[in-house]
């Protein structure tokens, strides 16, 4: 059985990821926005409020990943921070999807669990996920600060209070940068709220 050599493809893919991350360093407006969202999260947690996150597919896993970093720990031991990924309860997902529509699954959870002063991060690589856009609208009605985590396009750019837009249209490369941004947010928050124990 032939074992083809994929090394050139592997190198090309790694290089694409490196190149996109390098381009982030040139995006002064994006870097300032990340700083702004970090400070908003710090104030949110200081005020006793919460961080809510949501996404579809791989972005749903990213929402859970980022929430876990806040709840548990990132670089050192410290008290947990109140962050939650939406649509992790299958009964809620299926009830909302059946009784309303899949477009409303996150909006219903924001309506039920969000409160004024929280931060909502909606993750959509295309920037056009209807259920994320609807959740952003639901969050705004409750006085929740909304953050879009997206690629370079989509309605989310103007829908969210602020959008952290990765300059790419490649879903895998965008998602890789989303986790990088999530880690940066968590590390800044952790370093500012806690002393190393």
N, C-alpha and C. Protein backbone atom coordinates (compact mmCIF):
# COMPACT_ATOMS: atom_id res chain seq x y z
N UNK A 1 0.85 -1.20 0.00
CA UNK A 1 0.00 0.00 0.00
C UNK A 1 0.89 1.25 0.00
N UNK A 2 0.59 2.17 -0.91
CA UNK A 2 1.40 3.37 -1.04
C UNK A 2 1.15 4.33 0.11
N UNK A 3 2.23 4.94 0.62
CA UNK A 3 2.14 5.93 1.68
C UNK A 3 2.61 7.27 1.12
N UNK A 4 1.67 8.08 0.60
CA UNK A 4 2.08 9.36 0.00
C UNK A 4 2.68 10.30 1.03
N UNK A 5 3.56 11.16 0.56
CA UNK A 5 4.22 12.13 1.42
C UNK A 5 3.45 13.45 1.35
N UNK A 6 2.88 13.87 2.46
CA UNK A 6 2.09 15.09 2.53
C UNK A 6 2.87 16.26 3.13
N UNK A 7 4.18 16.11 3.21
CA UNK A 7 4.98 17.11 3.93
C UNK A 7 4.85 18.51 3.34
N UNK A 8 4.76 18.62 2.01
CA UNK A 8 4.67 19.95 1.41
C UNK A 8 3.33 20.61 1.78
N UNK A 9 2.25 19.81 1.80
CA UNK A 9 0.94 20.35 2.20
C UNK A 9 0.96 20.77 3.66
N UNK A 10 1.57 19.94 4.49
CA UNK A 10 1.65 20.24 5.92
C UNK A 10 2.41 21.54 6.14
N UNK A 11 3.53 21.69 5.46
CA UNK A 11 4.33 22.92 5.59
C UNK A 11 3.54 24.14 5.11
N UNK A 12 2.84 23.98 3.98
CA UNK A 12 2.07 25.09 3.42
C UNK A 12 0.97 25.53 4.39
N UNK A 13 0.29 24.56 5.01
CA UNK A 13 -0.80 24.88 5.93
C UNK A 13 -0.27 25.58 7.18
N UNK A 14 0.83 25.08 7.72
CA UNK A 14 1.44 25.73 8.89
C UNK A 14 1.86 27.14 8.53
N UNK A 15 2.43 27.33 7.34
CA UNK A 15 2.87 28.65 6.92
C UNK A 15 1.69 29.61 6.77
N UNK A 16 0.56 29.12 6.25
CA UNK A 16 -0.63 29.96 6.13
C UNK A 16 -1.09 30.45 7.50
N UNK A 17 -1.03 29.55 8.48
CA UNK A 17 -1.43 29.93 9.84
C UNK A 17 -0.47 30.96 10.42
N UNK A 18 0.81 30.75 10.21
CA UNK A 18 1.82 31.70 10.68
C UNK A 18 1.64 33.07 10.02
N UNK A 19 1.41 33.06 8.71
CA UNK A 19 1.27 34.32 7.97
C UNK A 19 0.06 35.11 8.46
N UNK A 20 -1.05 34.42 8.73
CA UNK A 20 -2.23 35.14 9.21
C UNK A 20 -1.98 35.71 10.60
N UNK A 21 -1.33 34.96 11.45
CA UNK A 21 -1.05 35.47 12.79
C UNK A 21 -0.08 36.65 12.72
N UNK A 22 0.87 36.59 11.80
CA UNK A 22 1.77 37.74 11.62
C UNK A 22 0.99 38.97 11.16
N UNK A 23 -0.01 38.75 10.31
CA UNK A 23 -0.79 39.89 9.82
C UNK A 23 -1.59 40.54 10.96
N UNK A 24 -1.94 39.75 11.97
CA UNK A 24 -2.66 40.32 13.11
C UNK A 24 -1.82 41.41 13.79
N UNK A 25 -0.52 41.23 13.79
CA UNK A 25 0.37 42.21 14.42
C UNK A 25 0.33 43.56 13.72
N UNK A 26 -0.09 43.56 12.46
CA UNK A 26 -0.17 44.81 11.69
C UNK A 26 -1.55 45.45 11.78
N UNK A 27 -2.48 44.78 12.43
CA UNK A 27 -3.87 45.27 12.52
C UNK A 27 -4.03 46.09 13.81
N UNK A 28 -3.57 47.33 13.78
CA UNK A 28 -3.60 48.16 14.99
C UNK A 28 -5.01 48.34 15.55
N UNK A 29 -5.99 48.49 14.66
CA UNK A 29 -7.36 48.67 15.13
C UNK A 29 -7.86 47.41 15.84
N UNK A 30 -7.55 46.24 15.28
CA UNK A 30 -7.94 44.98 15.91
C UNK A 30 -7.27 44.82 17.27
N UNK A 31 -5.99 45.13 17.35
CA UNK A 31 -5.27 45.00 18.62
C UNK A 31 -5.87 45.92 19.68
N UNK A 32 -6.27 47.13 19.27
CA UNK A 32 -6.90 48.05 20.20
C UNK A 32 -8.26 47.52 20.65
N UNK A 33 -8.98 46.90 19.74
CA UNK A 33 -10.28 46.32 20.09
C UNK A 33 -10.12 45.17 21.08
N UNK A 34 -9.09 44.33 20.88
CA UNK A 34 -8.84 43.24 21.83
C UNK A 34 -8.55 43.82 23.21
N UNK A 35 -7.78 44.90 23.24
CA UNK A 35 -7.49 45.57 24.50
C UNK A 35 -8.78 46.09 25.14
N UNK A 36 -9.65 46.67 24.33
CA UNK A 36 -10.91 47.22 24.83
C UNK A 36 -11.82 46.12 25.40
N UNK A 37 -11.90 45.00 24.69
CA UNK A 37 -12.73 43.88 25.17
C UNK A 37 -12.14 43.30 26.45
N UNK A 38 -10.81 43.21 26.52
CA UNK A 38 -10.16 42.73 27.74
C UNK A 38 -10.55 43.59 28.94
N UNK A 39 -10.47 44.91 28.76
CA UNK A 39 -10.82 45.82 29.86
C UNK A 39 -12.29 45.73 30.22
N UNK A 40 -13.15 45.54 29.22
CA UNK A 40 -14.58 45.39 29.49
C UNK A 40 -14.83 44.11 30.31
N UNK A 41 -14.14 43.03 29.96
CA UNK A 41 -14.30 41.78 30.71
C UNK A 41 -13.81 41.93 32.14
N UNK A 42 -12.71 42.63 32.33
CA UNK A 42 -12.19 42.87 33.69
C UNK A 42 -13.24 43.59 34.52
N UNK A 43 -13.81 44.65 33.97
CA UNK A 43 -14.83 45.42 34.70
C UNK A 43 -16.09 44.59 34.94
N UNK A 44 -16.44 43.77 33.97
CA UNK A 44 -17.62 42.90 34.11
C UNK A 44 -17.45 41.95 35.28
N UNK A 45 -16.31 41.29 35.36
CA UNK A 45 -16.08 40.35 36.46
C UNK A 45 -15.96 41.09 37.80
N UNK A 46 -15.33 42.24 37.80
CA UNK A 46 -15.22 43.03 39.03
C UNK A 46 -16.60 43.42 39.56
N UNK A 47 -17.54 43.63 38.65
CA UNK A 47 -18.89 44.05 39.03
C UNK A 47 -19.79 42.89 39.41
N UNK A 48 -19.26 41.67 39.35
CA UNK A 48 -20.05 40.51 39.70
C UNK A 48 -20.90 39.98 38.56
N UNK A 49 -20.61 40.42 37.36
CA UNK A 49 -21.36 39.95 36.20
C UNK A 49 -20.63 38.82 35.49
N UNK A 50 -21.23 38.35 34.40
CA UNK A 50 -20.75 37.14 33.74
C UNK A 50 -20.41 37.35 32.27
N UNK A 51 -19.64 36.39 31.76
CA UNK A 51 -19.30 36.31 30.35
C UNK A 51 -20.07 35.15 29.75
N UNK A 52 -20.85 35.43 28.69
CA UNK A 52 -21.58 34.41 27.95
C UNK A 52 -20.95 34.27 26.57
N UNK A 53 -20.84 33.04 26.08
CA UNK A 53 -20.24 32.81 24.77
C UNK A 53 -21.10 31.83 23.99
N UNK A 54 -21.11 31.98 22.66
CA UNK A 54 -21.85 31.05 21.82
C UNK A 54 -21.24 30.98 20.44
N UNK A 55 -21.37 29.82 19.81
CA UNK A 55 -20.92 29.62 18.45
C UNK A 55 -21.53 28.35 17.90
N UNK A 56 -21.40 28.14 16.61
CA UNK A 56 -21.91 26.94 15.94
C UNK A 56 -20.76 26.02 15.53
N UNK A 57 -21.01 24.71 15.58
CA UNK A 57 -20.02 23.75 15.11
C UNK A 57 -18.70 23.88 15.86
N UNK A 58 -17.61 24.05 15.09
CA UNK A 58 -16.31 24.21 15.73
C UNK A 58 -16.26 25.43 16.62
N UNK A 59 -17.02 26.46 16.27
CA UNK A 59 -17.06 27.67 17.10
C UNK A 59 -17.80 27.43 18.41
N UNK A 60 -18.71 26.44 18.43
CA UNK A 60 -19.35 26.05 19.69
C UNK A 60 -18.31 25.44 20.63
N UNK A 61 -17.44 24.62 20.04
CA UNK A 61 -16.35 24.04 20.83
C UNK A 61 -15.40 25.13 21.31
N UNK A 62 -15.15 26.13 20.46
CA UNK A 62 -14.29 27.25 20.86
C UNK A 62 -14.92 28.03 22.01
N UNK A 63 -16.24 28.21 21.96
CA UNK A 63 -16.94 28.91 23.05
C UNK A 63 -16.76 28.14 24.36
N UNK A 64 -16.90 26.82 24.30
CA UNK A 64 -16.72 26.00 25.50
C UNK A 64 -15.27 26.06 25.99
N UNK A 65 -14.34 25.99 25.06
CA UNK A 65 -12.91 26.05 25.39
C UNK A 65 -12.58 27.35 26.13
N UNK A 66 -13.01 28.47 25.56
CA UNK A 66 -12.71 29.78 26.17
C UNK A 66 -13.39 29.92 27.52
N UNK A 67 -14.65 29.48 27.61
CA UNK A 67 -15.35 29.54 28.90
C UNK A 67 -14.61 28.73 29.96
N UNK A 68 -14.12 27.56 29.58
CA UNK A 68 -13.40 26.70 30.52
C UNK A 68 -12.14 27.37 31.05
N UNK A 69 -11.45 28.12 30.19
CA UNK A 69 -10.23 28.81 30.63
C UNK A 69 -10.54 29.84 31.71
N UNK A 70 -11.69 30.51 31.58
CA UNK A 70 -12.08 31.50 32.59
C UNK A 70 -12.55 30.81 33.87
N UNK A 71 -13.36 29.78 33.75
CA UNK A 71 -13.94 29.11 34.91
C UNK A 71 -12.87 28.38 35.73
N UNK A 72 -11.97 27.70 35.05
CA UNK A 72 -10.99 26.87 35.77
C UNK A 72 -9.71 27.65 36.08
N UNK A 73 -8.83 27.69 35.14
CA UNK A 73 -7.57 28.42 35.31
C UNK A 73 -6.95 28.56 33.94
N UNK A 74 -6.02 29.51 33.83
CA UNK A 74 -5.29 29.64 32.57
C UNK A 74 -3.82 29.35 32.83
N UNK A 75 -3.12 30.30 33.46
CA UNK A 75 -1.69 30.09 33.72
C UNK A 75 -1.36 29.79 35.17
N UNK A 76 -2.29 30.08 36.08
CA UNK A 76 -1.98 29.84 37.49
C UNK A 76 -3.26 29.66 38.29
N UNK A 77 -3.10 29.12 39.50
CA UNK A 77 -4.25 28.88 40.36
C UNK A 77 -4.86 30.19 40.82
N UNK A 78 -6.21 30.29 40.74
CA UNK A 78 -6.94 31.47 41.20
C UNK A 78 -8.42 31.09 41.26
N UNK A 79 -9.25 31.91 41.87
CA UNK A 79 -10.68 31.60 41.90
C UNK A 79 -11.27 31.57 40.49
N UNK A 80 -12.31 30.78 40.32
CA UNK A 80 -12.97 30.68 39.02
C UNK A 80 -13.73 31.95 38.68
N UNK A 81 -13.84 32.22 37.41
CA UNK A 81 -14.59 33.38 36.93
C UNK A 81 -15.88 32.91 36.26
N UNK A 82 -16.99 33.65 36.44
CA UNK A 82 -18.28 33.21 35.91
C UNK A 82 -18.42 33.40 34.41
N UNK A 83 -18.10 32.35 33.67
CA UNK A 83 -18.23 32.34 32.21
C UNK A 83 -18.98 31.09 31.82
N UNK A 84 -19.86 31.20 30.82
CA UNK A 84 -20.60 30.03 30.38
C UNK A 84 -20.79 30.02 28.87
N UNK A 85 -20.62 28.83 28.30
CA UNK A 85 -20.90 28.63 26.89
C UNK A 85 -22.36 28.22 26.76
N UNK A 86 -23.08 28.87 25.85
CA UNK A 86 -24.49 28.56 25.65
C UNK A 86 -24.66 27.33 24.77
N UNK A 87 -25.86 26.76 24.83
CA UNK A 87 -26.23 25.58 24.03
C UNK A 87 -25.39 24.35 24.37
N UNK A 88 -25.10 24.18 25.64
CA UNK A 88 -24.43 22.96 26.08
C UNK A 88 -25.45 21.99 26.71
N UNK A 89 -26.69 22.45 26.87
CA UNK A 89 -27.76 21.62 27.42
C UNK A 89 -28.63 21.14 26.25
N UNK A 90 -28.57 19.84 25.96
CA UNK A 90 -29.26 19.31 24.79
C UNK A 90 -30.77 19.50 24.86
N UNK A 91 -31.32 19.46 26.07
CA UNK A 91 -32.76 19.66 26.20
C UNK A 91 -33.15 21.08 25.80
N UNK A 92 -32.33 22.06 26.18
CA UNK A 92 -32.61 23.44 25.79
C UNK A 92 -32.48 23.59 24.27
N UNK A 93 -31.42 23.03 23.69
CA UNK A 93 -31.21 23.13 22.25
C UNK A 93 -32.40 22.55 21.48
N UNK A 94 -32.81 21.33 21.85
CA UNK A 94 -33.87 20.67 21.11
C UNK A 94 -35.22 21.32 21.36
N UNK A 95 -35.46 21.79 22.58
CA UNK A 95 -36.74 22.46 22.87
C UNK A 95 -36.83 23.78 22.10
N UNK A 96 -35.79 24.58 22.18
CA UNK A 96 -35.80 25.86 21.46
C UNK A 96 -35.85 25.66 19.96
N UNK A 97 -35.10 24.68 19.46
CA UNK A 97 -35.09 24.41 18.03
C UNK A 97 -36.45 23.91 17.54
N UNK A 98 -37.10 23.09 18.35
CA UNK A 98 -38.40 22.53 17.97
C UNK A 98 -39.54 23.53 18.16
N UNK A 99 -39.56 24.21 19.30
CA UNK A 99 -40.68 25.09 19.63
C UNK A 99 -40.59 26.44 18.91
N UNK A 100 -39.38 26.88 18.60
CA UNK A 100 -39.18 28.16 17.92
C UNK A 100 -38.50 27.89 16.59
N UNK A 101 -37.18 27.95 16.57
CA UNK A 101 -36.38 27.53 15.43
C UNK A 101 -34.93 27.53 15.87
N UNK A 102 -34.08 26.89 15.08
CA UNK A 102 -32.66 26.86 15.42
C UNK A 102 -32.07 28.26 15.46
N UNK A 103 -32.69 29.17 14.73
CA UNK A 103 -32.22 30.55 14.71
C UNK A 103 -32.38 31.23 16.07
N UNK A 104 -33.18 30.66 16.96
CA UNK A 104 -33.46 31.30 18.25
C UNK A 104 -32.80 30.61 19.44
N UNK A 105 -32.01 29.54 19.21
CA UNK A 105 -31.51 28.78 20.36
C UNK A 105 -30.64 29.62 21.30
N UNK A 106 -29.78 30.46 20.75
CA UNK A 106 -28.91 31.27 21.61
C UNK A 106 -29.67 32.47 22.18
N UNK A 107 -30.56 33.04 21.39
CA UNK A 107 -31.32 34.20 21.86
C UNK A 107 -32.16 33.84 23.08
N UNK A 108 -32.76 32.64 23.07
CA UNK A 108 -33.57 32.21 24.22
C UNK A 108 -32.70 32.07 25.46
N UNK A 109 -31.50 31.54 25.30
CA UNK A 109 -30.61 31.38 26.46
C UNK A 109 -30.11 32.72 26.97
N UNK A 110 -29.84 33.64 26.06
CA UNK A 110 -29.45 34.99 26.49
C UNK A 110 -30.60 35.62 27.26
N UNK A 111 -31.80 35.47 26.74
CA UNK A 111 -32.98 36.03 27.40
C UNK A 111 -33.15 35.43 28.80
N UNK A 112 -32.90 34.13 28.92
CA UNK A 112 -33.10 33.44 30.19
C UNK A 112 -31.98 33.67 31.20
N UNK A 113 -30.73 33.69 30.71
CA UNK A 113 -29.58 33.68 31.62
C UNK A 113 -28.79 34.99 31.68
N UNK A 114 -28.94 35.84 30.67
CA UNK A 114 -28.17 37.08 30.65
C UNK A 114 -28.80 38.16 31.50
N UNK A 115 -27.97 39.07 31.97
CA UNK A 115 -28.48 40.22 32.72
C UNK A 115 -27.64 41.45 32.39
N UNK A 116 -28.23 42.59 32.63
CA UNK A 116 -27.54 43.84 32.33
C UNK A 116 -26.17 43.87 33.00
N UNK A 117 -25.17 44.28 32.23
CA UNK A 117 -23.81 44.34 32.75
C UNK A 117 -22.96 43.15 32.34
N UNK A 118 -23.59 42.09 31.79
CA UNK A 118 -22.82 40.94 31.30
C UNK A 118 -22.13 41.31 29.98
N UNK A 119 -21.27 40.40 29.53
CA UNK A 119 -20.66 40.49 28.20
C UNK A 119 -21.05 39.23 27.43
N UNK A 120 -21.47 39.39 26.19
CA UNK A 120 -21.77 38.26 25.32
C UNK A 120 -20.80 38.26 24.15
N UNK A 121 -20.12 37.13 23.94
CA UNK A 121 -19.24 36.96 22.79
C UNK A 121 -19.88 35.96 21.85
N UNK A 122 -20.24 36.43 20.66
CA UNK A 122 -20.82 35.58 19.64
C UNK A 122 -19.78 35.26 18.59
N UNK A 123 -19.53 33.97 18.37
CA UNK A 123 -18.47 33.54 17.46
C UNK A 123 -19.09 33.05 16.15
N UNK A 124 -18.68 33.68 15.05
CA UNK A 124 -19.18 33.30 13.72
C UNK A 124 -18.10 33.58 12.70
N UNK A 125 -17.51 32.53 12.13
CA UNK A 125 -16.42 32.75 11.17
C UNK A 125 -16.91 33.49 9.94
N UNK A 126 -18.15 33.21 9.51
CA UNK A 126 -18.71 33.90 8.35
C UNK A 126 -19.20 35.29 8.70
N UNK A 127 -19.54 35.49 9.97
CA UNK A 127 -20.13 36.74 10.41
C UNK A 127 -21.60 36.85 10.09
N UNK A 128 -22.19 35.75 9.60
CA UNK A 128 -23.60 35.79 9.17
C UNK A 128 -24.47 34.71 9.82
N UNK A 129 -24.00 34.06 10.87
CA UNK A 129 -24.80 33.02 11.52
C UNK A 129 -26.04 33.66 12.16
N UNK A 130 -27.21 33.30 11.65
CA UNK A 130 -28.44 33.95 12.09
C UNK A 130 -28.67 33.80 13.58
N UNK A 131 -28.38 32.61 14.12
CA UNK A 131 -28.63 32.43 15.57
C UNK A 131 -27.69 33.27 16.43
N UNK A 132 -26.50 33.56 15.93
CA UNK A 132 -25.59 34.44 16.66
C UNK A 132 -26.06 35.89 16.54
N UNK A 133 -26.47 36.29 15.35
CA UNK A 133 -26.97 37.66 15.16
C UNK A 133 -28.22 37.89 16.02
N UNK A 134 -29.10 36.90 16.09
CA UNK A 134 -30.30 37.04 16.92
C UNK A 134 -29.95 37.10 18.40
N UNK A 135 -28.93 36.34 18.81
CA UNK A 135 -28.50 36.39 20.20
C UNK A 135 -27.93 37.76 20.55
N UNK A 136 -27.20 38.36 19.60
CA UNK A 136 -26.66 39.70 19.82
C UNK A 136 -27.80 40.70 20.01
N UNK A 137 -28.83 40.59 19.20
CA UNK A 137 -29.97 41.50 19.36
C UNK A 137 -30.67 41.28 20.70
N UNK A 138 -30.82 40.02 21.10
CA UNK A 138 -31.44 39.72 22.40
C UNK A 138 -30.59 40.28 23.54
N UNK A 139 -29.27 40.18 23.40
CA UNK A 139 -28.37 40.69 24.43
C UNK A 139 -28.47 42.20 24.55
N UNK A 140 -28.55 42.89 23.41
CA UNK A 140 -28.64 44.35 23.44
C UNK A 140 -29.91 44.80 24.16
N UNK A 141 -30.99 44.07 23.98
CA UNK A 141 -32.25 44.42 24.65
C UNK A 141 -32.14 44.31 26.16
N UNK A 142 -31.19 43.50 26.63
CA UNK A 142 -31.01 43.33 28.07
C UNK A 142 -29.88 44.19 28.64
N UNK A 143 -29.28 45.03 27.82
CA UNK A 143 -28.19 45.87 28.30
C UNK A 143 -26.89 45.11 28.46
N UNK A 144 -26.70 44.09 27.63
CA UNK A 144 -25.49 43.27 27.64
C UNK A 144 -24.55 43.76 26.54
N UNK A 145 -23.29 43.95 26.87
CA UNK A 145 -22.29 44.38 25.90
C UNK A 145 -21.99 43.22 24.95
N UNK A 146 -22.05 43.47 23.64
CA UNK A 146 -21.92 42.39 22.67
C UNK A 146 -20.62 42.49 21.89
N UNK A 147 -19.96 41.34 21.76
CA UNK A 147 -18.69 41.22 21.06
C UNK A 147 -18.85 40.19 19.95
N UNK A 148 -18.50 40.55 18.74
CA UNK A 148 -18.44 39.59 17.65
C UNK A 148 -17.02 39.08 17.50
N UNK A 149 -16.89 37.79 17.32
CA UNK A 149 -15.59 37.18 17.03
C UNK A 149 -15.77 36.52 15.67
N UNK A 150 -15.15 37.11 14.63
CA UNK A 150 -15.50 36.72 13.27
C UNK A 150 -14.29 36.78 12.35
N UNK A 151 -14.57 36.57 11.05
CA UNK A 151 -13.57 36.78 10.02
C UNK A 151 -13.68 38.21 9.52
N UNK A 152 -13.33 38.42 8.27
CA UNK A 152 -13.27 39.80 7.76
C UNK A 152 -14.60 40.31 7.20
N UNK A 153 -15.64 39.47 7.23
CA UNK A 153 -16.88 39.88 6.58
C UNK A 153 -18.09 39.54 7.45
N UNK A 154 -19.27 39.89 6.95
CA UNK A 154 -20.51 39.49 7.57
C UNK A 154 -21.24 40.60 8.30
N UNK A 155 -22.52 40.36 8.55
CA UNK A 155 -23.39 41.33 9.22
C UNK A 155 -22.97 41.60 10.65
N UNK A 156 -22.28 40.66 11.27
CA UNK A 156 -21.87 40.81 12.66
C UNK A 156 -20.99 42.05 12.86
N UNK A 157 -20.30 42.47 11.79
CA UNK A 157 -19.40 43.61 11.88
C UNK A 157 -20.12 44.86 12.37
N UNK A 158 -21.37 45.03 11.92
CA UNK A 158 -22.14 46.21 12.31
C UNK A 158 -23.19 45.90 13.37
N UNK A 159 -23.45 44.64 13.61
CA UNK A 159 -24.49 44.24 14.55
C UNK A 159 -23.99 44.30 16.00
N UNK A 160 -22.78 43.81 16.25
CA UNK A 160 -22.23 43.77 17.61
C UNK A 160 -21.73 45.15 18.02
N UNK A 161 -21.64 45.37 19.34
CA UNK A 161 -21.07 46.63 19.84
C UNK A 161 -19.63 46.79 19.38
N UNK A 162 -18.92 45.67 19.33
CA UNK A 162 -17.54 45.68 18.86
C UNK A 162 -17.27 44.34 18.20
N UNK A 163 -16.46 44.34 17.14
CA UNK A 163 -16.18 43.08 16.44
C UNK A 163 -14.67 42.88 16.33
N UNK A 164 -14.23 41.71 16.79
CA UNK A 164 -12.84 41.31 16.66
C UNK A 164 -12.75 40.50 15.37
N UNK A 165 -12.44 41.18 14.28
CA UNK A 165 -12.50 40.57 12.96
C UNK A 165 -11.13 40.17 12.45
N UNK A 166 -10.93 38.86 12.33
CA UNK A 166 -9.69 38.31 11.80
C UNK A 166 -9.67 38.54 10.28
N UNK A 167 -8.60 39.10 9.72
CA UNK A 167 -8.57 39.44 8.30
C UNK A 167 -8.37 38.23 7.38
N UNK A 168 -9.40 37.39 7.31
CA UNK A 168 -9.33 36.19 6.47
C UNK A 168 -10.74 35.71 6.18
N UNK A 169 -10.86 34.89 5.13
CA UNK A 169 -12.13 34.21 4.81
C UNK A 169 -11.98 32.70 4.90
N UNK A 170 -10.85 32.23 5.39
CA UNK A 170 -10.60 30.80 5.54
C UNK A 170 -11.05 30.35 6.92
N UNK A 171 -12.08 29.52 6.97
CA UNK A 171 -12.66 29.12 8.26
C UNK A 171 -11.62 28.50 9.21
N UNK A 172 -10.81 27.52 8.77
CA UNK A 172 -9.84 26.94 9.71
C UNK A 172 -8.84 27.95 10.25
N UNK A 173 -8.34 28.84 9.38
CA UNK A 173 -7.35 29.82 9.83
C UNK A 173 -8.00 30.84 10.77
N UNK A 174 -9.24 31.23 10.48
CA UNK A 174 -9.96 32.16 11.37
C UNK A 174 -10.13 31.53 12.74
N UNK A 175 -10.55 30.26 12.77
CA UNK A 175 -10.78 29.58 14.05
C UNK A 175 -9.50 29.47 14.86
N UNK A 176 -8.38 29.25 14.18
CA UNK A 176 -7.11 29.19 14.90
C UNK A 176 -6.81 30.53 15.58
N UNK A 177 -7.12 31.61 14.89
CA UNK A 177 -6.90 32.94 15.46
C UNK A 177 -7.91 33.25 16.56
N UNK A 178 -9.12 32.72 16.45
CA UNK A 178 -10.12 32.94 17.50
C UNK A 178 -9.65 32.37 18.83
N UNK A 179 -9.07 31.18 18.79
CA UNK A 179 -8.56 30.61 20.04
C UNK A 179 -7.39 31.44 20.57
N UNK A 180 -6.52 31.91 19.69
CA UNK A 180 -5.43 32.80 20.12
C UNK A 180 -6.00 34.03 20.82
N UNK A 181 -7.02 34.67 20.21
CA UNK A 181 -7.62 35.86 20.81
C UNK A 181 -8.28 35.52 22.14
N UNK A 182 -8.98 34.38 22.20
CA UNK A 182 -9.59 33.95 23.45
C UNK A 182 -8.57 33.76 24.55
N UNK A 183 -7.44 33.16 24.20
CA UNK A 183 -6.37 32.97 25.18
C UNK A 183 -5.79 34.31 25.64
N UNK A 184 -5.63 35.24 24.72
CA UNK A 184 -5.12 36.56 25.09
C UNK A 184 -6.08 37.26 26.05
N UNK A 185 -7.37 37.23 25.73
CA UNK A 185 -8.37 37.84 26.63
C UNK A 185 -8.29 37.23 28.02
N UNK A 186 -8.25 35.91 28.08
CA UNK A 186 -8.23 35.23 29.38
C UNK A 186 -6.97 35.57 30.16
N UNK A 187 -5.84 35.59 29.49
CA UNK A 187 -4.57 35.87 30.19
C UNK A 187 -4.54 37.29 30.73
N UNK A 188 -5.02 38.25 29.94
CA UNK A 188 -5.06 39.64 30.41
C UNK A 188 -5.97 39.76 31.62
N UNK A 189 -7.15 39.16 31.54
CA UNK A 189 -8.10 39.22 32.66
C UNK A 189 -7.50 38.58 33.90
N UNK A 190 -6.95 37.40 33.74
CA UNK A 190 -6.37 36.67 34.87
C UNK A 190 -5.24 37.47 35.51
N UNK A 191 -4.36 38.04 34.70
CA UNK A 191 -3.24 38.79 35.23
C UNK A 191 -3.67 40.07 35.95
N UNK A 192 -4.79 40.65 35.52
CA UNK A 192 -5.24 41.90 36.11
C UNK A 192 -6.13 41.71 37.34
N UNK A 193 -6.79 40.59 37.44
CA UNK A 193 -7.70 40.38 38.57
C UNK A 193 -7.07 39.63 39.73
N UNK A 194 -6.01 38.89 39.46
CA UNK A 194 -5.45 38.03 40.51
C UNK A 194 -3.92 38.14 40.58
N UNK A 195 -3.42 38.02 41.78
CA UNK A 195 -1.98 37.85 41.97
C UNK A 195 -1.70 36.35 41.93
N UNK A 196 -0.57 35.98 41.45
CA UNK A 196 -0.22 34.54 41.45
C UNK A 196 -0.15 34.05 42.88
N UNK A 197 -0.86 32.95 43.14
CA UNK A 197 -0.90 32.40 44.51
C UNK A 197 0.33 31.55 44.80
